[in-house]
Amino acid sequence: MAVPKRKMSRSNTRSRRANWKATAVATTTCPQCKAPTQPHVACPSCGTYKGRHYGTAERTEHQG
C-alpha cells in the first residue's frame, strides 16, 4: 500500500478539496398544487404523486 513520504501542505490539500462541491437538489413543480418538489417523490405539501394521493407523504409536526 502506498504511504506518503512527506506531509501534504495546506495549499495542496485545500486545492485538492476545492473540487468537493455539493450539487443543488433538482426540483420540479407539482402539477396539483404547483409547489416545488423533488422529482420521483410524492409532493410534501399535498401528498400526490402521478395523480395518486399518498397521505403518509404529507408533513406532520413532531409531538414532544
N, C-alpha and C. Protein backbone atom coordinates (compact mmCIF):
# COMPACT_ATOMS: atom_id res chain seq x y z
N MET A 1 0.83 -1.17 0.00
CA MET A 1 0.00 0.00 0.00
C MET A 1 0.89 1.25 0.00
N ALA A 2 0.53 2.23 -0.80
CA ALA A 2 1.34 3.45 -0.90
C ALA A 2 1.14 4.33 0.32
N VAL A 3 2.26 4.82 0.85
CA VAL A 3 2.24 5.69 2.01
C VAL A 3 2.95 6.98 1.63
N PRO A 4 2.38 8.16 1.93
CA PRO A 4 3.06 9.40 1.57
C PRO A 4 4.38 9.56 2.32
N LYS A 5 5.39 10.04 1.63
CA LYS A 5 6.70 10.21 2.23
C LYS A 5 6.81 11.53 2.98
N ARG A 6 6.10 12.55 2.51
CA ARG A 6 6.14 13.86 3.13
C ARG A 6 4.72 14.34 3.47
N LYS A 7 4.63 15.27 4.41
CA LYS A 7 3.34 15.86 4.77
C LYS A 7 2.84 16.73 3.62
N MET A 8 1.56 16.59 3.30
CA MET A 8 0.99 17.42 2.23
C MET A 8 0.71 18.81 2.79
N SER A 9 1.13 19.84 2.06
CA SER A 9 0.97 21.21 2.51
C SER A 9 -0.51 21.61 2.55
N ARG A 10 -0.79 22.70 3.29
CA ARG A 10 -2.17 23.18 3.39
C ARG A 10 -2.72 23.60 2.03
N SER A 11 -1.89 24.26 1.23
CA SER A 11 -2.38 24.75 -0.06
C SER A 11 -2.68 23.59 -1.00
N ASN A 12 -1.86 22.55 -0.97
CA ASN A 12 -2.14 21.39 -1.81
C ASN A 12 -3.39 20.66 -1.35
N THR A 13 -3.56 20.55 -0.04
CA THR A 13 -4.74 19.88 0.50
C THR A 13 -6.00 20.65 0.15
N ARG A 14 -5.96 21.97 0.31
CA ARG A 14 -7.15 22.78 0.06
C ARG A 14 -7.46 22.86 -1.43
N SER A 15 -6.45 22.89 -2.27
CA SER A 15 -6.73 22.92 -3.71
C SER A 15 -7.28 21.58 -4.18
N ARG A 16 -6.89 20.51 -3.55
CA ARG A 16 -7.44 19.21 -3.89
C ARG A 16 -8.89 19.09 -3.43
N ARG A 17 -9.17 19.61 -2.24
CA ARG A 17 -10.53 19.54 -1.70
C ARG A 17 -11.46 20.59 -2.31
N ALA A 18 -10.93 21.52 -3.09
CA ALA A 18 -11.75 22.56 -3.71
C ALA A 18 -12.73 21.96 -4.71
N ASN A 19 -12.48 20.75 -5.17
CA ASN A 19 -13.36 20.11 -6.14
C ASN A 19 -14.48 19.32 -5.49
N TRP A 20 -14.53 19.26 -4.16
CA TRP A 20 -15.60 18.56 -3.45
C TRP A 20 -16.78 19.50 -3.29
N LYS A 21 -17.54 19.71 -4.32
CA LYS A 21 -18.65 20.66 -4.27
C LYS A 21 -19.97 19.91 -4.13
N ALA A 22 -20.86 20.47 -3.37
CA ALA A 22 -22.20 19.92 -3.23
C ALA A 22 -23.05 20.41 -4.41
N THR A 23 -23.88 19.53 -4.93
CA THR A 23 -24.76 19.92 -6.03
C THR A 23 -26.13 20.28 -5.48
N ALA A 24 -26.77 21.22 -6.11
CA ALA A 24 -28.11 21.64 -5.67
C ALA A 24 -29.13 20.55 -6.00
N VAL A 25 -30.14 20.42 -5.15
CA VAL A 25 -31.17 19.41 -5.35
C VAL A 25 -32.07 19.85 -6.51
N ALA A 26 -32.31 18.94 -7.44
CA ALA A 26 -33.19 19.23 -8.57
C ALA A 26 -34.63 19.29 -8.09
N THR A 27 -35.37 20.31 -8.53
CA THR A 27 -36.77 20.44 -8.14
C THR A 27 -37.65 20.59 -9.37
N THR A 28 -38.87 20.11 -9.25
CA THR A 28 -39.89 20.28 -10.27
C THR A 28 -41.12 20.87 -9.59
N THR A 29 -42.09 21.30 -10.37
CA THR A 29 -43.31 21.83 -9.78
C THR A 29 -44.38 20.74 -9.75
N CYS A 30 -45.10 20.69 -8.66
CA CYS A 30 -46.18 19.71 -8.50
C CYS A 30 -47.33 20.12 -9.43
N PRO A 31 -47.85 19.20 -10.24
CA PRO A 31 -48.96 19.55 -11.12
C PRO A 31 -50.27 19.82 -10.37
N GLN A 32 -50.36 19.34 -9.14
CA GLN A 32 -51.59 19.52 -8.36
C GLN A 32 -51.62 20.87 -7.65
N CYS A 33 -50.56 21.17 -6.89
CA CYS A 33 -50.57 22.38 -6.08
C CYS A 33 -49.50 23.40 -6.48
N LYS A 34 -48.70 23.09 -7.48
CA LYS A 34 -47.66 23.98 -8.01
C LYS A 34 -46.55 24.29 -7.02
N ALA A 35 -46.37 23.46 -6.00
CA ALA A 35 -45.29 23.65 -5.04
C ALA A 35 -44.03 22.97 -5.57
N PRO A 36 -42.84 23.47 -5.22
CA PRO A 36 -41.61 22.81 -5.68
C PRO A 36 -41.42 21.48 -4.95
N THR A 37 -41.15 20.42 -5.72
CA THR A 37 -40.94 19.09 -5.16
C THR A 37 -39.75 18.44 -5.83
N GLN A 38 -39.22 17.39 -5.23
CA GLN A 38 -38.17 16.62 -5.86
C GLN A 38 -38.80 15.68 -6.88
N PRO A 39 -38.11 15.43 -8.00
CA PRO A 39 -38.68 14.51 -8.99
C PRO A 39 -38.71 13.07 -8.45
N HIS A 40 -39.73 12.32 -8.86
CA HIS A 40 -39.93 10.91 -8.49
C HIS A 40 -40.20 10.73 -7.01
N VAL A 41 -40.71 11.77 -6.33
CA VAL A 41 -41.04 11.71 -4.91
C VAL A 41 -42.41 12.34 -4.74
N ALA A 42 -43.21 11.81 -3.82
CA ALA A 42 -44.52 12.40 -3.56
C ALA A 42 -44.36 13.82 -3.04
N CYS A 43 -45.29 14.68 -3.41
CA CYS A 43 -45.24 16.11 -3.04
C CYS A 43 -45.38 16.23 -1.52
N PRO A 44 -44.45 16.94 -0.85
CA PRO A 44 -44.56 17.05 0.61
C PRO A 44 -45.70 17.95 1.08
N SER A 45 -46.20 18.83 0.22
CA SER A 45 -47.26 19.73 0.67
C SER A 45 -48.65 19.15 0.46
N CYS A 46 -48.91 18.49 -0.70
CA CYS A 46 -50.26 17.95 -0.93
C CYS A 46 -50.28 16.42 -0.91
N GLY A 47 -49.13 15.75 -1.01
CA GLY A 47 -49.07 14.30 -0.89
C GLY A 47 -49.46 13.54 -2.14
N THR A 48 -49.42 14.15 -3.33
CA THR A 48 -49.76 13.44 -4.56
C THR A 48 -48.51 13.11 -5.35
N TYR A 49 -48.60 12.01 -6.08
CA TYR A 49 -47.53 11.59 -6.99
C TYR A 49 -48.17 10.83 -8.14
N LYS A 50 -47.95 11.31 -9.34
CA LYS A 50 -48.50 10.72 -10.57
C LYS A 50 -50.01 10.56 -10.48
N GLY A 51 -50.69 11.59 -9.96
CA GLY A 51 -52.14 11.59 -9.91
C GLY A 51 -52.76 10.83 -8.76
N ARG A 52 -51.96 10.18 -7.93
CA ARG A 52 -52.49 9.44 -6.78
C ARG A 52 -52.15 10.18 -5.50
N HIS A 53 -53.00 10.06 -4.49
CA HIS A 53 -52.79 10.73 -3.21
C HIS A 53 -52.17 9.76 -2.22
N TYR A 54 -51.09 10.19 -1.60
CA TYR A 54 -50.42 9.40 -0.57
C TYR A 54 -50.45 10.22 0.71
N GLY A 55 -51.28 9.83 1.63
CA GLY A 55 -51.46 10.60 2.86
C GLY A 55 -50.26 10.60 3.76
N THR A 56 -49.43 9.54 3.73
CA THR A 56 -48.28 9.47 4.61
C THR A 56 -47.16 10.39 4.16
N ALA A 57 -47.22 10.91 2.95
CA ALA A 57 -46.16 11.77 2.44
C ALA A 57 -46.30 13.20 2.94
N GLU A 58 -47.47 13.56 3.47
CA GLU A 58 -47.68 14.92 3.94
C GLU A 58 -46.84 15.17 5.19
N ARG A 59 -46.39 16.40 5.35
CA ARG A 59 -45.57 16.74 6.50
C ARG A 59 -46.43 16.81 7.75
N THR A 60 -45.89 16.28 8.84
CA THR A 60 -46.57 16.35 10.11
C THR A 60 -45.62 16.94 11.14
N GLU A 61 -46.16 17.63 12.12
CA GLU A 61 -45.35 18.20 13.18
C GLU A 61 -45.03 17.10 14.19
N HIS A 62 -43.79 17.13 14.70
CA HIS A 62 -43.39 16.13 15.69
C HIS A 62 -44.00 16.46 17.04
N GLN A 63 -44.49 15.43 17.70
CA GLN A 63 -45.08 15.59 19.02
C GLN A 63 -44.01 15.32 20.07
N GLY A 64 -43.75 16.26 20.93
CA GLY A 64 -42.83 16.00 22.02
C GLY A 64 -41.72 16.90 22.01
